Amino acid sequence: MIFCRVLLRIDEIVQNAHAFNPRAAMTTDLRPAVEALFDELEAKGVDYVLVGGVALLSYVEGRNTQDIDLIVSTDDLGKLPWDAKAQDADFARATYRGVRVDLLLRTNALFDEVAKTARTTVPFQGRPVVTATREGLLLLKLYALPSLYRTANLARAALYETDVLMLHQGATVDDAALLERLRPHLSVPDIAELRRILEEQRARRRFT
């Protein structure tokens, strides 16, 4: 299913983010590497789902990202020459020709569920890319929030809350259904706190 049209190319998104990063000098054109990455994912038959900041650009404006985020199976990690290294049971990190690729592993039950049931195809400037749906991205963002707050990663937690808010804009989203899908993966107090966050966001009105 084609969900929407994205005008920017993935390679341009990543390159532009690096170019405007004040913390690091941009000396390499990463666009050919990004194009080659998706060519190789297709050629090697890797069942991936694009998530993260690039995927968010399918639904909201103004999100910036310097890497590629993919849900993949551990069986597919060795199919590409990207020297993937596990960070923990749920995440791995790879570098493909200078492009950082963050990998969400399908050994995690929620990541597997999103990959199976919350995927669509988005044309990024003519290239069909398997991408998480709006609901899939919301599930991933909400799932991450309790851990981010517990580890005092407040900057990323604030960014994810903003992503959740933006993903609700201009769309009809069943928050109760999202929380029900998260229930097997999070504690009862975590679900209650996420419900409070969603209710607060729904109640926010400015200049009415």
Protein backbone atom coordinates (compact mmCIF):
# COMPACT_ATOMS: atom_id res chain seq x y z
CA MET A 1 0.00 0.00 0.00
CA ILE A 2 1.32 3.46 -0.89
CA PHE A 3 0.57 5.70 2.11
CA CYS A 4 1.89 9.11 1.17
CA ARG A 5 4.39 10.98 -0.97
CA VAL A 6 7.65 12.30 0.44
CA LEU A 7 9.45 14.90 -1.66
CA LEU A 8 12.87 14.62 -0.05
CA ARG A 9 15.14 11.71 -0.84
CA ILE A 10 16.52 9.69 2.06
CA ASP A 11 20.09 10.41 0.96
CA GLU A 12 19.38 14.16 0.97
CA ILE A 13 17.77 13.97 4.43
CA VAL A 14 20.82 12.29 5.97
CA GLN A 15 23.32 14.46 4.11
CA ASN A 16 21.56 17.69 5.07
CA ALA A 17 21.42 16.67 8.74
CA HIS A 18 25.16 16.05 8.77
CA ALA A 19 25.87 19.27 6.92
CA PHE A 20 24.05 21.33 9.55
CA ASN A 21 25.46 19.49 12.58
CA PRO A 22 27.52 22.11 14.49
CA ARG A 23 29.32 19.42 16.49
CA ALA A 24 31.00 17.68 13.58
CA ALA A 25 32.62 18.76 10.37
CA MET A 26 31.01 17.33 7.24
CA THR A 27 33.75 16.29 4.86
CA THR A 28 32.08 13.38 3.03
CA ASP A 29 29.14 13.23 0.65
CA LEU A 30 27.05 10.46 2.19
CA ARG A 31 24.34 10.45 -0.46
CA PRO A 32 25.83 7.69 -2.65
CA ALA A 33 26.27 5.51 0.44
CA VAL A 34 22.63 5.94 1.48
CA GLU A 35 21.45 5.08 -2.03
CA ALA A 36 23.74 2.04 -2.08
CA LEU A 37 22.45 0.90 1.32
CA PHE A 38 18.86 0.69 0.14
CA ASP A 39 19.93 -0.88 -3.15
CA GLU A 40 21.77 -3.56 -1.21
CA LEU A 41 18.95 -4.14 1.28
CA GLU A 42 16.71 -4.89 -1.68
CA ALA A 43 19.29 -6.96 -3.55
CA LYS A 44 20.09 -9.12 -0.51
CA GLY A 45 16.41 -9.67 0.30
CA VAL A 46 16.59 -8.11 3.76
CA ASP A 47 13.13 -7.76 5.31
CA TYR A 48 13.54 -4.33 6.87
CA VAL A 49 11.18 -1.63 8.12
CA LEU A 50 12.37 1.99 8.17
CA VAL A 51 11.66 3.75 11.48
CA GLY A 52 13.17 6.72 13.33
CA GLY A 53 13.55 10.28 12.13
CA VAL A 54 13.53 9.57 8.39
CA ALA A 55 10.30 7.58 8.71
CA LEU A 56 8.74 10.42 10.71
CA LEU A 57 9.19 12.70 7.72
CA SER A 58 6.51 10.60 6.02
CA TYR A 59 4.00 12.09 8.46
CA VAL A 60 5.40 15.31 9.97
CA GLU A 61 7.61 18.19 8.87
CA GLY A 62 10.76 19.53 10.42
CA ARG A 63 12.29 16.36 11.87
CA ASN A 64 16.05 16.07 11.43
CA THR A 65 18.17 12.92 11.61
CA GLN A 66 21.73 11.92 10.87
CA ASP A 67 21.31 8.17 10.72
CA ILE A 68 19.10 5.40 9.35
CA ASP A 69 16.93 3.37 11.75
CA LEU A 70 15.72 -0.05 10.66
CA ILE A 71 13.85 -2.94 12.22
CA VAL A 72 15.55 -6.15 11.05
CA SER A 73 15.88 -9.79 12.00
CA THR A 74 19.09 -11.00 13.60
CA ASP A 75 19.27 -13.53 10.73
CA ASP A 76 19.72 -10.61 8.31
CA LEU A 77 22.54 -8.87 10.18
CA GLY A 78 25.24 -10.73 8.28
CA LYS A 79 23.79 -10.14 4.83
CA LEU A 80 25.32 -6.68 4.43
CA PRO A 81 28.95 -5.59 4.84
CA TRP A 82 28.16 -3.14 7.63
CA ASP A 83 29.97 -4.70 10.60
CA ALA A 84 26.86 -4.77 12.81
CA LYS A 85 27.56 -4.94 16.56
CA ALA A 86 24.95 -5.73 19.19
CA GLN A 87 24.40 -3.01 21.79
CA ASP A 88 22.10 -5.20 23.91
CA ALA A 89 19.39 -7.80 23.34
CA ASP A 90 17.17 -5.37 21.43
CA PHE A 91 19.54 -3.09 19.51
CA ALA A 92 22.57 -3.23 17.24
CA ARG A 93 24.58 -0.56 15.47
CA ALA A 94 26.24 -0.70 12.07
CA THR A 95 28.14 1.59 9.75
CA TYR A 96 27.60 1.35 6.02
CA ARG A 97 30.14 3.35 4.01
CA GLY A 98 30.20 6.06 6.66
CA VAL A 99 26.44 6.10 7.33
CA ARG A 100 25.40 5.11 10.83
CA VAL A 101 22.60 2.56 10.89
CA ASP A 102 20.75 1.89 14.15
CA LEU A 103 19.10 -1.52 14.15
CA LEU A 104 16.05 -2.55 16.18
CA LEU A 105 16.10 -6.32 16.44
CA ARG A 106 13.01 -8.43 15.94
CA THR A 107 13.94 -10.58 18.92
CA ASN A 108 12.11 -7.83 20.82
CA ALA A 109 8.42 -8.78 20.74
CA LEU A 110 7.13 -5.24 20.12
CA PHE A 111 9.63 -4.54 17.34
CA ASP A 112 8.59 -7.80 15.72
CA GLU A 113 4.91 -6.87 16.06
CA VAL A 114 5.49 -3.47 14.44
CA ALA A 115 7.45 -5.09 11.60
CA LYS A 116 4.64 -7.56 10.97
CA THR A 117 1.51 -5.46 11.46
CA ALA A 118 2.41 -1.75 11.18
CA ARG A 119 4.23 -1.40 7.89
CA THR A 120 3.47 0.33 4.63
CA THR A 121 5.35 1.42 1.51
CA VAL A 122 6.33 5.05 1.12
CA PRO A 123 7.84 6.51 -2.07
CA PHE A 124 10.85 8.61 -1.11
CA GLN A 125 11.30 10.55 -4.35
CA GLY A 126 10.26 7.53 -6.40
CA ARG A 127 12.07 4.87 -4.35
CA PRO A 128 9.58 2.53 -2.63
CA VAL A 129 10.72 2.08 0.98
CA VAL A 130 9.09 -0.20 3.54
CA THR A 131 8.27 2.17 6.39
CA ALA A 132 6.46 1.96 9.71
CA THR A 133 2.93 3.33 9.75
CA ARG A 134 1.98 6.31 11.89
CA GLU A 135 0.64 3.91 14.53
CA GLY A 136 3.82 1.84 14.35
CA LEU A 137 5.99 4.89 15.01
CA LEU A 138 3.75 5.92 17.90
CA LEU A 139 4.08 2.45 19.43
CA LEU A 140 7.88 2.66 19.24
CA LYS A 141 8.06 6.19 20.66
CA LEU A 142 5.70 5.44 23.54
CA TYR A 143 7.46 2.16 24.30
CA ALA A 144 10.80 3.97 24.60
CA LEU A 145 9.64 6.78 26.89
CA PRO A 146 9.67 4.95 30.27
CA SER A 147 13.23 3.75 29.71
CA LEU A 148 14.40 7.21 28.63
CA TYR A 149 13.00 8.82 31.76
CA ARG A 150 14.43 6.12 34.04
CA THR A 151 17.90 6.63 32.60
CA ALA A 152 17.53 10.43 32.84
CA ASN A 153 17.88 10.82 29.09
CA LEU A 154 15.64 13.85 29.32
CA ALA A 155 16.62 15.51 26.05
CA ARG A 156 15.68 12.44 24.03
CA ALA A 157 12.55 11.90 26.12
CA ALA A 158 11.43 15.46 25.35
CA LEU A 159 12.15 14.89 21.64
CA TYR A 160 10.12 11.67 21.65
CA GLU A 161 7.20 13.36 23.40
CA THR A 162 7.28 16.03 20.71
CA ASP A 163 7.33 13.32 18.05
CA VAL A 164 4.26 11.73 19.65
CA LEU A 165 2.48 15.08 19.69
CA MET A 166 3.32 15.76 16.04
CA LEU A 167 2.27 12.29 14.90
CA HIS A 168 -1.19 13.00 16.30
CA GLN A 169 -1.57 16.17 14.28
CA GLY A 170 -4.00 15.95 11.37
CA ALA A 171 -4.77 12.30 12.02
CA THR A 172 -7.31 10.22 13.90
CA VAL A 173 -5.41 8.02 16.33
CA ASP A 174 -6.98 5.62 18.82
CA ASP A 175 -4.79 6.15 21.89
CA ALA A 176 -6.63 3.51 23.89
CA ALA A 177 -5.87 0.94 21.21
CA LEU A 178 -2.19 1.93 21.20
CA LEU A 179 -1.94 1.51 24.96
CA GLU A 180 -3.71 -1.84 24.75
CA ARG A 181 -1.12 -3.03 22.24
CA LEU A 182 1.66 -1.83 24.56
CA ARG A 183 0.17 -3.52 27.63
CA PRO A 184 1.98 -6.88 27.12
CA HIS A 185 5.32 -5.08 26.82
CA LEU A 186 5.23 -2.55 29.68
CA SER A 187 4.29 -2.49 33.35
CA VAL A 188 0.93 -1.28 34.63
CA PRO A 189 2.46 1.93 36.11
CA ASP A 190 4.21 2.63 32.79
CA ILE A 191 0.94 2.29 30.88
CA ALA A 192 -0.77 4.62 33.36
CA GLU A 193 1.95 7.25 32.96
CA LEU A 194 1.81 7.03 29.17
CA ARG A 195 -1.96 7.49 29.34
CA ARG A 196 -1.41 10.62 31.42
CA ILE A 197 1.08 11.99 28.88
CA LEU A 198 -1.33 11.37 26.01
CA GLU A 199 -4.22 12.97 27.90
CA GLU A 200 -2.09 16.03 28.68
CA GLN A 201 -1.12 16.35 25.03
CA ARG A 202 -4.74 16.06 23.93
CA ALA A 203 -5.70 18.79 26.39
CA ARG A 204 -3.08 21.26 25.20
CA ARG A 205 -4.60 24.20 23.37
CA ARG A 206 -2.81 27.42 22.52
CA PHE A 207 -4.26 30.81 21.55
CA THR A 208 -7.85 29.58 21.35
